[in-house]
Amino acid sequence: MGAGKRGDKMTKSRHFVALVASAGVLVAAGLLVLTVLLVQERSAEATSPGKPGKIAYSAYDGTNEAIYTINPGGGGKVKVTDKPGYARNPAYSPTGNKIAYSGYDGNDSEIYTIDPSGAGTFKVTDNDTDDFSPSYSPDGNNIAYVGFDGNDLEIYTIDVRGGGTLNVTDNDTDDLYPAYSPGGKTIAYEGYDGNDSEIYTIDVRGGGTLNVTDNDSNDSQPDYAPDGKTIAYVGYPPSSQEYDGTNEAIFTIGVGGGGNSSKVVDNASEPSYSPNGKKIAYLGDTPANSTVYTIGVNGGGKAKVIDTGASDSEPSWGSQ
């Protein structure tokens, strides 16, 4: 897809506006060129079944952007990363003993893993392009992420120890926000249908693409429910309506598509299911869009977790 089409499609999307403003995306000769300071799309990750543990998120520490964890009810805040640059897009491993994230290595953004205690940092990707938005496979052996193939953004998978990279999507459009299914056979992601962004699923080896949402609005940031039956995602207003930075909403839909979606909460983004599937953590409706909340999957029981002070806090709900 040409860069002009991608820009037209995502003009009303807050994450694209932030990307252009803060990351320095250049459009030249119809190609998307990513500059040193990235290019950070928000993450989407599959939530593994289990007992709910802590929520990971990113926030500024006064100097850098870092990864933190906190109890779902608030309290127990721990700073996980502490180095110059940024750490973004946290995604818990299935057992909760690791967190994958995108971090700056001095040249570009790469995928790292780290213990929730802050020890054991490991660099998973190491190349000349920006890699971001990681998602663990349910067996913990692989990570899906977004990378640049020289023309556009694609979904890749890689072994958690590095190596074995596979280009899962391979087309002429930008593909974003990968999230493994609980069974590990498919990956949900945001793709472009020629008019706007929609939610798709694809086999982990490529092929078997399914258009889950199909409407006249931009849909983004998918996350599988732990039972594998539904996908939570963010829906934006139709292209005919003005996007004012707050009127996005979280919806759920059956993984097979073709049915009606259900709205969970307005003025919300970045959904992450709890490991037991009963709640969703998300970034919510403050003027700075900087508060992490939890809410029941049917829209009840909204509770504030923490004001993060950052507009791209990207919650990820881990297992105990």
C-alpha atoms as a PDB file:
ATOM      1  CA  MET A   1       0.000   0.000   0.000  1.00  0.00           C
ATOM      2  CA  GLY A   2       1.271   3.455  -0.807  1.00  0.00           C
ATOM      3  CA  ALA A   3       2.140   5.702   2.111  1.00  0.00           C
ATOM      4  CA  GLY A   4      -0.486   8.205   1.003  1.00  0.00           C
ATOM      5  CA  LYS A   5      -3.285   5.651   1.382  1.00  0.00           C
ATOM      6  CA  ARG A   6      -2.010   4.606   4.790  1.00  0.00           C
ATOM      7  CA  GLY A   7      -1.919   8.221   5.889  1.00  0.00           C
ATOM      8  CA  ASP A   8      -5.479   8.864   4.642  1.00  0.00           C
ATOM      9  CA  LYS A   9      -6.743   5.744   6.359  1.00  0.00           C
ATOM     10  CA  MET A  10      -5.300   6.508   9.772  1.00  0.00           C
ATOM     11  CA  THR A  11      -5.657  10.289   9.898  1.00  0.00           C
ATOM     12  CA  LYS A  12      -8.442  10.002  12.464  1.00  0.00           C
ATOM     13  CA  SER A  13      -6.574   7.461  14.589  1.00  0.00           C
ATOM     14  CA  ARG A  14      -4.904   8.814  17.731  1.00  0.00           C
ATOM     15  CA  HIS A  15      -2.071   6.302  17.630  1.00  0.00           C
ATOM     16  CA  PHE A  16      -1.162   7.265  14.065  1.00  0.00           C
ATOM     17  CA  VAL A  17      -1.250  10.981  14.880  1.00  0.00           C
ATOM     18  CA  ALA A  18       1.054  10.324  17.841  1.00  0.00           C
ATOM     19  CA  LEU A  19       3.317   8.198  15.663  1.00  0.00           C
ATOM     20  CA  VAL A  20       3.734  10.975  13.123  1.00  0.00           C
ATOM     21  CA  ALA A  21       4.230  13.664  15.745  1.00  0.00           C
ATOM     22  CA  SER A  22       6.708  11.859  17.988  1.00  0.00           C
ATOM     23  CA  ALA A  23       8.455   9.328  15.804  1.00  0.00           C
ATOM     24  CA  GLY A  24       9.226  11.287  12.654  1.00  0.00           C
ATOM     25  CA  VAL A  25       7.638   9.102  10.000  1.00  0.00           C
ATOM     26  CA  LEU A  26       8.806  10.238   6.567  1.00  0.00           C
ATOM     27  CA  VAL A  27       6.882   9.655   3.373  1.00  0.00           C
ATOM     28  CA  ALA A  28       9.014   9.513   0.241  1.00  0.00           C
ATOM     29  CA  ALA A  29       8.374   7.958  -3.146  1.00  0.00           C
ATOM     30  CA  GLY A  30       5.382   6.085  -1.784  1.00  0.00           C
ATOM     31  CA  LEU A  31       7.458   4.224   0.817  1.00  0.00           C
ATOM     32  CA  LEU A  32       7.154   4.376   4.582  1.00  0.00           C
ATOM     33  CA  VAL A  33      10.586   5.224   5.974  1.00  0.00           C
ATOM     34  CA  LEU A  34      11.058   4.854   9.699  1.00  0.00           C
ATOM     35  CA  THR A  35      13.472   7.155  11.488  1.00  0.00           C
ATOM     36  CA  VAL A  36      15.699   6.522  14.456  1.00  0.00           C
ATOM     37  CA  LEU A  37      13.199   7.552  17.057  1.00  0.00           C
ATOM     38  CA  LEU A  38      10.496   5.245  15.954  1.00  0.00           C
ATOM     39  CA  VAL A  39       7.663   4.461  15.006  1.00  0.00           C
ATOM     40  CA  GLN A  40       6.069   3.176  18.189  1.00  0.00           C
ATOM     41  CA  GLU A  41       2.682   1.660  17.638  1.00  0.00           C
ATOM     42  CA  ARG A  42       0.870   0.472  20.711  1.00  0.00           C
ATOM     43  CA  SER A  43       1.034  -3.148  21.534  1.00  0.00           C
ATOM     44  CA  ALA A  44      -1.528  -5.873  21.464  1.00  0.00           C
ATOM     45  CA  GLU A  45      -0.931  -9.200  23.071  1.00  0.00           C
ATOM     46  CA  ALA A  46      -2.699 -12.465  23.660  1.00  0.00           C
ATOM     47  CA  THR A  47      -3.722 -13.047  27.258  1.00  0.00           C
ATOM     48  CA  SER A  48      -2.990 -16.536  28.536  1.00  0.00           C
ATOM     49  CA  PRO A  49      -5.577 -18.400  30.636  1.00  0.00           C
ATOM     50  CA  GLY A  50      -4.895 -18.483  34.349  1.00  0.00           C
ATOM     51  CA  LYS A  51      -5.261 -16.573  37.596  1.00  0.00           C
ATOM     52  CA  PRO A  52      -4.981 -12.787  37.200  1.00  0.00           C
ATOM     53  CA  GLY A  53      -1.659 -11.346  38.252  1.00  0.00           C
ATOM     54  CA  LYS A  54      -0.153  -7.892  37.857  1.00  0.00           C
ATOM     55  CA  ILE A  55      -0.720  -5.406  35.047  1.00  0.00           C
ATOM     56  CA  ALA A  56       2.322  -4.130  33.155  1.00  0.00           C
ATOM     57  CA  TYR A  57       2.280  -0.673  31.578  1.00  0.00           C
ATOM     58  CA  SER A  58       4.660   1.997  30.312  1.00  0.00           C
ATOM     59  CA  ALA A  59       5.067   5.481  31.792  1.00  0.00           C
ATOM     60  CA  TYR A  60       7.587   8.283  32.060  1.00  0.00           C
ATOM     61  CA  ASP A  61       9.869   8.232  35.089  1.00  0.00           C
ATOM     62  CA  GLY A  62      10.795  11.891  34.716  1.00  0.00           C
ATOM     63  CA  THR A  63      13.646  11.176  32.317  1.00  0.00           C
ATOM     64  CA  ASN A  64      12.842   8.101  30.266  1.00  0.00           C
ATOM     65  CA  GLU A  65       9.882   5.932  29.351  1.00  0.00           C
ATOM     66  CA  ALA A  66       9.937   2.766  31.447  1.00  0.00           C
ATOM     67  CA  ILE A  67       7.959  -0.414  32.087  1.00  0.00           C
ATOM     68  CA  TYR A  68       6.165  -0.784  35.433  1.00  0.00           C
ATOM     69  CA  THR A  69       3.936  -3.417  37.004  1.00  0.00           C
ATOM     70  CA  ILE A  70       1.099  -2.887  39.470  1.00  0.00           C
ATOM     71  CA  ASN A  71      -1.615  -4.918  41.183  1.00  0.00           C
ATOM     72  CA  PRO A  72      -5.010  -4.787  39.412  1.00  0.00           C
ATOM     73  CA  GLY A  73      -6.489  -3.065  42.451  1.00  0.00           C
ATOM     74  CA  GLY A  74      -3.641  -0.558  42.620  1.00  0.00           C
ATOM     75  CA  GLY A  75      -0.616  -0.765  44.901  1.00  0.00           C
ATOM     76  CA  GLY A  76       2.484  -2.904  44.640  1.00  0.00           C
ATOM     77  CA  LYS A  77       3.978  -0.720  41.904  1.00  0.00           C
ATOM     78  CA  VAL A  78       7.383  -1.942  40.664  1.00  0.00           C
ATOM     79  CA  LYS A  79       9.668  -0.277  38.120  1.00  0.00           C
ATOM     80  CA  VAL A  80      10.914  -3.012  35.798  1.00  0.00           C
ATOM     81  CA  THR A  81      13.181  -1.255  33.276  1.00  0.00           C
ATOM     82  CA  ASP A  82      15.663   1.481  34.106  1.00  0.00           C
ATOM     83  CA  LYS A  83      17.942   2.615  31.302  1.00  0.00           C
ATOM     84  CA  PRO A  84      18.288   5.623  28.977  1.00  0.00           C
ATOM     85  CA  GLY A  85      15.913   5.882  26.058  1.00  0.00           C
ATOM     86  CA  TYR A  86      12.517   4.233  26.137  1.00  0.00           C
ATOM     87  CA  ALA A  87      10.852   0.947  26.961  1.00  0.00           C
ATOM     88  CA  ARG A  88       7.361   0.478  25.544  1.00  0.00           C
ATOM     89  CA  ASN A  89       4.781  -2.084  24.456  1.00  0.00           C
ATOM     90  CA  PRO A  90       4.985  -4.479  27.442  1.00  0.00           C
ATOM     91  CA  ALA A  91       3.578  -7.983  26.940  1.00  0.00           C
ATOM     92  CA  TYR A  92       3.573 -10.658  29.630  1.00  0.00           C
ATOM     93  CA  SER A  93       4.695 -14.209  28.905  1.00  0.00           C
ATOM     94  CA  PRO A  94       2.074 -16.962  29.463  1.00  0.00           C
ATOM     95  CA  THR A  95       3.410 -17.857  32.915  1.00  0.00           C
ATOM     96  CA  GLY A  96       3.983 -14.254  33.960  1.00  0.00           C
ATOM     97  CA  ASN A  97       7.701 -14.809  34.551  1.00  0.00           C
ATOM     98  CA  LYS A  98       8.857 -12.632  31.633  1.00  0.00           C
ATOM     99  CA  ILE A  99       7.831  -9.380  29.979  1.00  0.00           C
ATOM    100  CA  ALA A 100       8.599  -8.655  26.332  1.00  0.00           C
ATOM    101  CA  TYR A 101       8.874  -5.025  25.279  1.00  0.00           C
ATOM    102  CA  SER A 102      10.318  -2.727  22.629  1.00  0.00           C
ATOM    103  CA  GLY A 103      13.339  -0.706  23.666  1.00  0.00           C
ATOM    104  CA  TYR A 104      15.830   1.673  22.108  1.00  0.00           C
ATOM    105  CA  ASP A 105      19.303   0.192  21.601  1.00  0.00           C
ATOM    106  CA  GLY A 106      21.004   3.436  20.583  1.00  0.00           C
ATOM    107  CA  ASN A 107      20.116   3.061  16.913  1.00  0.00           C
ATOM    108  CA  ASP A 108      16.564   1.808  16.612  1.00  0.00           C
ATOM    109  CA  SER A 109      13.837  -0.088  18.434  1.00  0.00           C
ATOM    110  CA  GLU A 110      14.364  -3.789  19.155  1.00  0.00           C
ATOM    111  CA  ILE A 111      12.431  -6.480  21.016  1.00  0.00           C
ATOM    112  CA  TYR A 112      13.701  -7.386  24.494  1.00  0.00           C
ATOM    113  CA  THR A 113      12.584  -9.674  27.297  1.00  0.00           C
ATOM    114  CA  ILE A 114      13.085  -9.078  31.012  1.00  0.00           C
ATOM    115  CA  ASP A 115      12.120 -10.608  34.354  1.00  0.00           C
ATOM    116  CA  PRO A 116       9.337  -8.688  36.164  1.00  0.00           C
ATOM    117  CA  SER A 117      11.909  -8.051  38.903  1.00  0.00           C
ATOM    118  CA  GLY A 118      14.027  -6.077  36.420  1.00  0.00           C
ATOM    119  CA  ALA A 119      16.747  -8.723  36.024  1.00  0.00           C
ATOM    120  CA  GLY A 120      17.679 -10.893  33.067  1.00  0.00           C
ATOM    121  CA  THR A 121      17.345  -8.490  30.135  1.00  0.00           C
ATOM    122  CA  PHE A 122      17.749 -10.268  26.788  1.00  0.00           C
ATOM    123  CA  LYS A 123      17.802  -8.707  23.311  1.00  0.00           C
ATOM    124  CA  VAL A 124      15.639 -10.851  21.005  1.00  0.00           C
ATOM    125  CA  THR A 125      15.840  -8.933  17.699  1.00  0.00           C
ATOM    126  CA  ASP A 126      18.963  -7.194  16.453  1.00  0.00           C
ATOM    127  CA  ASN A 127      18.801  -5.598  13.015  1.00  0.00           C
ATOM    128  CA  ASP A 128      18.806  -2.254  11.231  1.00  0.00           C
ATOM    129  CA  THR A 129      15.046  -1.622  11.351  1.00  0.00           C
ATOM    130  CA  ASP A 130      12.538  -0.775  14.062  1.00  0.00           C
ATOM    131  CA  ASP A 131      10.796  -3.733  15.733  1.00  0.00           C
ATOM    132  CA  PHE A 132       7.943  -3.225  18.190  1.00  0.00           C
ATOM    133  CA  SER A 133       4.563  -4.425  19.520  1.00  0.00           C
ATOM    134  CA  PRO A 134       5.566  -7.896  20.828  1.00  0.00           C
ATOM    135  CA  SER A 135       3.142 -10.704  21.710  1.00  0.00           C
ATOM    136  CA  TYR A 136       4.123 -14.047  23.294  1.00  0.00           C
ATOM    137  CA  SER A 137       2.938 -17.346  21.860  1.00  0.00           C
ATOM    138  CA  PRO A 138       0.928 -19.401  24.401  1.00  0.00           C
ATOM    139  CA  ASP A 139       3.762 -21.936  24.781  1.00  0.00           C
ATOM    140  CA  GLY A 140       6.190 -19.099  25.512  1.00  0.00           C
ATOM    141  CA  ASN A 141       8.606 -20.198  22.780  1.00  0.00           C
ATOM    142  CA  ASN A 142       7.992 -17.468  20.206  1.00  0.00           C
ATOM    143  CA  ILE A 143       7.194 -13.771  19.991  1.00  0.00           C
ATOM    144  CA  ALA A 144       5.163 -12.071  17.277  1.00  0.00           C
ATOM    145  CA  TYR A 145       6.060  -8.468  16.532  1.00  0.00           C
ATOM    146  CA  VAL A 146       5.862  -5.691  13.931  1.00  0.00           C
ATOM    147  CA  GLY A 147       8.869  -5.052  11.712  1.00  0.00           C
ATOM    148  CA  PHE A 148       9.680  -3.078   8.567  1.00  0.00           C
ATOM    149  CA  ASP A 149      10.424  -5.057   5.393  1.00  0.00           C
ATOM    150  CA  GLY A 150      11.752  -2.125   3.373  1.00  0.00           C
ATOM    151  CA  ASN A 151       8.355  -1.150   2.005  1.00  0.00           C
ATOM    152  CA  ASP A 152       5.773  -1.439   4.760  1.00  0.00           C
ATOM    153  CA  LEU A 153       5.116  -2.843   8.216  1.00  0.00           C
ATOM    154  CA  GLU A 154       4.634  -6.593   8.507  1.00  0.00           C
ATOM    155  CA  ILE A 155       3.960  -9.178  11.221  1.00  0.00           C
ATOM    156  CA  TYR A 156       6.900 -11.447  12.072  1.00  0.00           C
ATOM    157  CA  THR A 157       7.537 -14.217  14.568  1.00  0.00           C
ATOM    158  CA  ILE A 158      10.860 -15.090  16.179  1.00  0.00           C
ATOM    159  CA  ASP A 159      12.167 -17.588  18.719  1.00  0.00           C
ATOM    160  CA  VAL A 160      12.353 -16.060  22.203  1.00  0.00           C
ATOM    161  CA  ARG A 161      16.116 -16.641  22.194  1.00  0.00           C
ATOM    162  CA  GLY A 162      16.495 -14.970  18.801  1.00  0.00           C
ATOM    163  CA  GLY A 163      16.639 -16.569  15.362  1.00  0.00           C
ATOM    164  CA  GLY A 164      14.077 -18.430  13.289  1.00  0.00           C
ATOM    165  CA  THR A 165      12.423 -15.238  12.048  1.00  0.00           C
ATOM    166  CA  LEU A 166       9.335 -15.757   9.895  1.00  0.00           C
ATOM    167  CA  ASN A 167       7.427 -13.115   7.929  1.00  0.00           C
ATOM    168  CA  VAL A 168       3.812 -14.074   8.635  1.00  0.00           C
ATOM    169  CA  THR A 169       2.066 -11.353   6.666  1.00  0.00           C
ATOM    170  CA  ASP A 170       3.695 -10.486   3.382  1.00  0.00           C
ATOM    171  CA  ASN A 171       1.721  -7.950   1.388  1.00  0.00           C
ATOM    172  CA  ASP A 172       1.775  -4.318   0.288  1.00  0.00           C
ATOM    173  CA  THR A 173      -0.107  -2.902   3.285  1.00  0.00           C
ATOM    174  CA  ASP A 174       0.852  -2.039   6.855  1.00  0.00           C
ATOM    175  CA  ASP A 175      -0.041  -4.780   9.363  1.00  0.00           C
ATOM    176  CA  LEU A 176      -0.010  -3.938  13.064  1.00  0.00           C
ATOM    177  CA  TYR A 177      -0.776  -5.114  16.610  1.00  0.00           C
ATOM    178  CA  PRO A 178      -0.201  -8.895  16.487  1.00  0.00           C
ATOM    179  CA  ALA A 179      -1.860 -11.022  19.174  1.00  0.00           C
ATOM    180  CA  TYR A 180      -1.527 -14.803  19.405  1.00  0.00           C
ATOM    181  CA  SER A 181      -4.630 -16.911  19.885  1.00  0.00           C
ATOM    182  CA  PRO A 182      -4.708 -18.981  23.119  1.00  0.00           C
ATOM    183  CA  GLY A 183      -4.343 -22.140  21.018  1.00  0.00           C
ATOM    184  CA  GLY A 184      -1.292 -20.714  19.272  1.00  0.00           C
ATOM    185  CA  LYS A 185      -2.550 -21.503  15.774  1.00  0.00           C
ATOM    186  CA  THR A 186      -3.524 -18.019  14.626  1.00  0.00           C
ATOM    187  CA  ILE A 187      -2.509 -14.402  15.111  1.00  0.00           C
ATOM    188  CA  ALA A 188      -4.970 -11.503  15.177  1.00  0.00           C
ATOM    189  CA  TYR A 189      -3.798  -8.192  13.772  1.00  0.00           C
ATOM    190  CA  GLU A 190      -4.870  -4.893  12.242  1.00  0.00           C
ATOM    191  CA  GLY A 191      -4.786  -4.799   8.440  1.00  0.00           C
ATOM    192  CA  TYR A 192      -6.033  -2.577   5.641  1.00  0.00           C
ATOM    193  CA  ASP A 193      -8.917  -3.637   3.365  1.00  0.00           C
ATOM    194  CA  GLY A 194      -8.559  -0.873   0.783  1.00  0.00           C
ATOM    195  CA  ASN A 195     -10.845   1.535   2.614  1.00  0.00           C
ATOM    196  CA  ASP A 196     -10.009   1.423   6.313  1.00  0.00           C
ATOM    197  CA  SER A 197      -8.344  -0.739   8.946  1.00  0.00           C
ATOM    198  CA  GLU A 198     -10.029  -3.971  10.029  1.00  0.00           C
ATOM    199  CA  ILE A 199      -9.254  -6.866  12.372  1.00  0.00           C
ATOM    200  CA  TYR A 200      -7.930 -10.002  10.705  1.00  0.00           C
ATOM    201  CA  THR A 201      -6.641 -13.374  11.813  1.00  0.00           C
ATOM    202  CA  ILE A 202      -3.977 -15.400  10.016  1.00  0.00           C
ATOM    203  CA  ASP A 203      -2.317 -18.784  10.490  1.00  0.00           C
ATOM    204  CA  VAL A 204       0.952 -18.522  12.418  1.00  0.00           C
ATOM    205  CA  ARG A 205       2.842 -19.834   9.369  1.00  0.00           C
ATOM    206  CA  GLY A 206       1.051 -17.419   7.037  1.00  0.00           C
ATOM    207  CA  GLY A 207      -2.060 -17.976   4.929  1.00  0.00           C
ATOM    208  CA  GLY A 208      -5.649 -18.648   5.944  1.00  0.00           C
ATOM    209  CA  THR A 209      -6.449 -14.959   6.432  1.00  0.00           C
ATOM    210  CA  LEU A 210      -9.904 -14.207   7.841  1.00  0.00           C
ATOM    211  CA  ASN A 211     -11.539 -10.758   7.865  1.00  0.00           C
ATOM    212  CA  VAL A 212     -13.067 -10.613  11.375  1.00  0.00           C
ATOM    213  CA  THR A 213     -14.471  -7.070  11.296  1.00  0.00           C
ATOM    214  CA  ASP A 214     -15.891  -5.539   8.133  1.00  0.00           C
ATOM    215  CA  ASN A 215     -17.391  -2.077   8.508  1.00  0.00           C
ATOM    216  CA  ASP A 216     -16.877   1.560   7.549  1.00  0.00           C
ATOM    217  CA  SER A 217     -14.743   2.486  10.566  1.00  0.00           C
ATOM    218  CA  ASN A 218     -11.124   1.919  11.592  1.00  0.00           C
ATOM    219  CA  ASP A 219     -10.647  -1.089  13.888  1.00  0.00           C
ATOM    220  CA  SER A 220      -7.396  -1.688  15.737  1.00  0.00           C
ATOM    221  CA  GLN A 221      -5.519  -3.200  18.710  1.00  0.00           C
ATOM    222  CA  PRO A 222      -6.985  -6.740  18.910  1.00  0.00           C
ATOM    223  CA  ASP A 223      -6.615  -9.030  21.921  1.00  0.00           C
ATOM    224  CA  TYR A 224      -7.905 -12.603  22.136  1.00  0.00           C
ATOM    225  CA  ALA A 225     -10.031 -13.669  25.092  1.00  0.00           C
ATOM    226  CA  PRO A 226      -8.363 -16.488  27.076  1.00  0.00           C
ATOM    227  CA  ASP A 227     -11.051 -18.970  25.926  1.00  0.00           C
ATOM    228  CA  GLY A 228     -10.266 -18.112  22.296  1.00  0.00           C
ATOM    229  CA  LYS A 229     -13.898 -17.384  21.428  1.00  0.00           C
ATOM    230  CA  THR A 230     -13.882 -13.600  21.186  1.00  0.00           C
ATOM    231  CA  ILE A 231     -11.548 -10.751  20.317  1.00  0.00           C
ATOM    232  CA  ALA A 232     -11.544  -7.351  22.007  1.00  0.00           C
ATOM    233  CA  TYR A 233     -10.549  -4.444  19.793  1.00  0.00           C
ATOM    234  CA  VAL A 234     -10.712  -0.669  19.473  1.00  0.00           C
ATOM    235  CA  GLY A 235     -13.201   0.869  17.068  1.00  0.00           C
ATOM    236  CA  TYR A 236     -12.904   4.411  15.793  1.00  0.00           C
ATOM    237  CA  PRO A 237     -15.659   6.578  14.267  1.00  0.00           C
ATOM    238  CA  PRO A 238     -16.494   6.071  10.574  1.00  0.00           C
ATOM    239  CA  SER A 239     -14.368   8.018   8.150  1.00  0.00           C
ATOM    240  CA  SER A 240     -17.284  10.383   7.618  1.00  0.00           C
ATOM    241  CA  GLN A 241     -17.132  11.493  11.263  1.00  0.00           C
ATOM    242  CA  GLU A 242     -14.511  13.646  12.901  1.00  0.00           C
ATOM    243  CA  TYR A 243     -12.197  11.909  15.342  1.00  0.00           C
ATOM    244  CA  ASP A 244     -11.724  14.182  18.359  1.00  0.00           C
ATOM    245  CA  GLY A 245      -9.223  12.068  20.290  1.00  0.00           C
ATOM    246  CA  THR A 246     -11.730  10.662  22.760  1.00  0.00           C
ATOM    247  CA  ASN A 247     -14.556   8.972  20.855  1.00  0.00           C
ATOM    248  CA  GLU A 248     -12.902   5.620  20.301  1.00  0.00           C
ATOM    249  CA  ALA A 249     -14.408   2.611  22.094  1.00  0.00           C
ATOM    250  CA  ILE A 250     -13.592  -0.985  23.000  1.00  0.00           C
ATOM    251  CA  PHE A 251     -15.739  -3.708  21.432  1.00  0.00           C
ATOM    252  CA  THR A 252     -15.777  -7.502  21.448  1.00  0.00           C
ATOM    253  CA  ILE A 253     -16.641  -9.797  18.544  1.00  0.00           C
ATOM    254  CA  GLY A 254     -16.652 -13.536  17.862  1.00  0.00           C
ATOM    255  CA  VAL A 255     -13.395 -14.811  16.355  1.00  0.00           C
ATOM    256  CA  GLY A 256     -15.214 -16.065  13.274  1.00  0.00           C
ATOM    257  CA  GLY A 257     -16.504 -12.613  12.418  1.00  0.00           C
ATOM    258  CA  GLY A 258     -19.774 -12.206  10.561  1.00  0.00           C
ATOM    259  CA  GLY A 259     -21.693 -11.356  13.730  1.00  0.00           C
ATOM    260  CA  ASN A 260     -22.555  -8.290  15.702  1.00  0.00           C
ATOM    261  CA  SER A 261     -19.960  -6.652  17.907  1.00  0.00           C
ATOM    262  CA  SER A 262     -20.676  -5.603  21.502  1.00  0.00           C
ATOM    263  CA  LYS A 263     -19.482  -2.311  22.942  1.00  0.00           C
ATOM    264  CA  VAL A 264     -17.724  -2.649  26.299  1.00  0.00           C
ATOM    265  CA  VAL A 265     -16.733   0.945  27.112  1.00  0.00           C
ATOM    266  CA  ASP A 266     -16.501   4.352  25.417  1.00  0.00           C
ATOM    267  CA  ASN A 267     -13.454   6.617  25.229  1.00  0.00           C
ATOM    268  CA  ALA A 268     -11.085   3.702  25.704  1.00  0.00           C
ATOM    269  CA  SER A 269      -8.187   1.987  23.939  1.00  0.00           C
ATOM    270  CA  GLU A 270      -5.516  -0.685  24.320  1.00  0.00           C
ATOM    271  CA  PRO A 271      -7.616  -3.587  25.673  1.00  0.00           C
ATOM    272  CA  SER A 272      -5.974  -6.494  27.492  1.00  0.00           C
ATOM    273  CA  TYR A 273      -8.091  -9.367  28.844  1.00  0.00           C
ATOM    274  CA  SER A 274      -7.550 -10.624  32.367  1.00  0.00           C
ATOM    275  CA  PRO A 275      -6.196 -14.203  32.399  1.00  0.00           C
ATOM    276  CA  ASN A 276      -9.549 -15.535  33.644  1.00  0.00           C
ATOM    277  CA  GLY A 277     -11.403 -13.686  30.880  1.00  0.00           C
ATOM    278  CA  LYS A 278     -13.747 -11.837  33.219  1.00  0.00           C
ATOM    279  CA  LYS A 279     -12.290  -8.339  32.892  1.00  0.00           C
ATOM    280  CA  ILE A 280     -10.397  -6.106  30.494  1.00  0.00           C
ATOM    281  CA  ALA A 281      -7.622  -3.680  31.387  1.00  0.00           C
ATOM    282  CA  TYR A 282      -7.491  -0.589  29.191  1.00  0.00           C
ATOM    283  CA  LEU A 283      -6.335   2.994  28.845  1.00  0.00           C
ATOM    284  CA  GLY A 284      -9.152   5.352  29.631  1.00  0.00           C
ATOM    285  CA  ASP A 285     -10.964   8.587  29.411  1.00  0.00           C
ATOM    286  CA  THR A 286      -8.984  11.328  31.137  1.00  0.00           C
ATOM    287  CA  PRO A 287      -7.959  14.541  29.343  1.00  0.00           C
ATOM    288  CA  ALA A 288      -4.450  13.145  28.869  1.00  0.00           C
ATOM    289  CA  ASN A 289      -5.719   9.603  28.207  1.00  0.00           C
ATOM    290  CA  SER A 290      -3.311   8.491  30.886  1.00  0.00           C
ATOM    291  CA  THR A 291      -5.297   6.323  33.291  1.00  0.00           C
ATOM    292  CA  VAL A 292      -5.335   2.529  33.366  1.00  0.00           C
ATOM    293  CA  TYR A 293      -8.718   1.047  34.275  1.00  0.00           C
ATOM    294  CA  THR A 294     -10.253  -2.403  34.519  1.00  0.00           C
ATOM    295  CA  ILE A 295     -13.829  -3.247  33.582  1.00  0.00           C
ATOM    296  CA  GLY A 296     -16.014  -6.329  33.305  1.00  0.00           C
ATOM    297  CA  VAL A 297     -16.277  -7.806  29.808  1.00  0.00           C
ATOM    298  CA  ASN A 298     -19.967  -6.849  29.801  1.00  0.00           C
ATOM    299  CA  GLY A 299     -19.199  -3.246  30.659  1.00  0.00           C
ATOM    300  CA  GLY A 300     -19.813  -3.179  34.413  1.00  0.00           C
ATOM    301  CA  GLY A 301     -17.562  -2.687  37.416  1.00  0.00           C
ATOM    302  CA  LYS A 302     -15.211  -0.071  36.034  1.00  0.00           C
ATOM    303  CA  ALA A 303     -12.298   0.545  38.421  1.00  0.00           C
ATOM    304  CA  LYS A 304      -9.311   2.864  38.264  1.00  0.00           C
ATOM    305  CA  VAL A 305      -5.872   1.239  38.593  1.00  0.00           C
ATOM    306  CA  ILE A 306      -3.405   4.121  38.211  1.00  0.00           C
ATOM    307  CA  ASP A 307      -2.817   7.500  36.587  1.00  0.00           C
ATOM    308  CA  THR A 308       0.296   6.898  34.529  1.00  0.00           C
ATOM    309  CA  GLY A 309       1.125  10.374  33.264  1.00  0.00           C
ATOM    310  CA  ALA A 310       1.634   9.024  29.735  1.00  0.00           C
ATOM    311  CA  SER A 311      -0.754   8.757  26.811  1.00  0.00           C
ATOM    312  CA  ASP A 312       0.651   5.441  25.538  1.00  0.00           C
ATOM    313  CA  SER A 313       0.613   3.355  28.691  1.00  0.00           C
ATOM    314  CA  GLU A 314      -0.292   0.081  26.966  1.00  0.00           C
ATOM    315  CA  PRO A 315      -1.549  -2.188  29.770  1.00  0.00           C
ATOM    316  CA  SER A 316      -0.846  -5.925  29.620  1.00  0.00           C
ATOM    317  CA  TRP A 317      -2.521  -8.203  32.169  1.00  0.00           C
ATOM    318  CA  GLY A 318      -0.309 -11.055  33.327  1.00  0.00           C
ATOM    319  CA  SER A 319      -0.928 -14.390  35.042  1.00  0.00           C
ATOM    320  CA  GLN A 320       0.169 -15.410  38.517  1.00  0.00           C
END
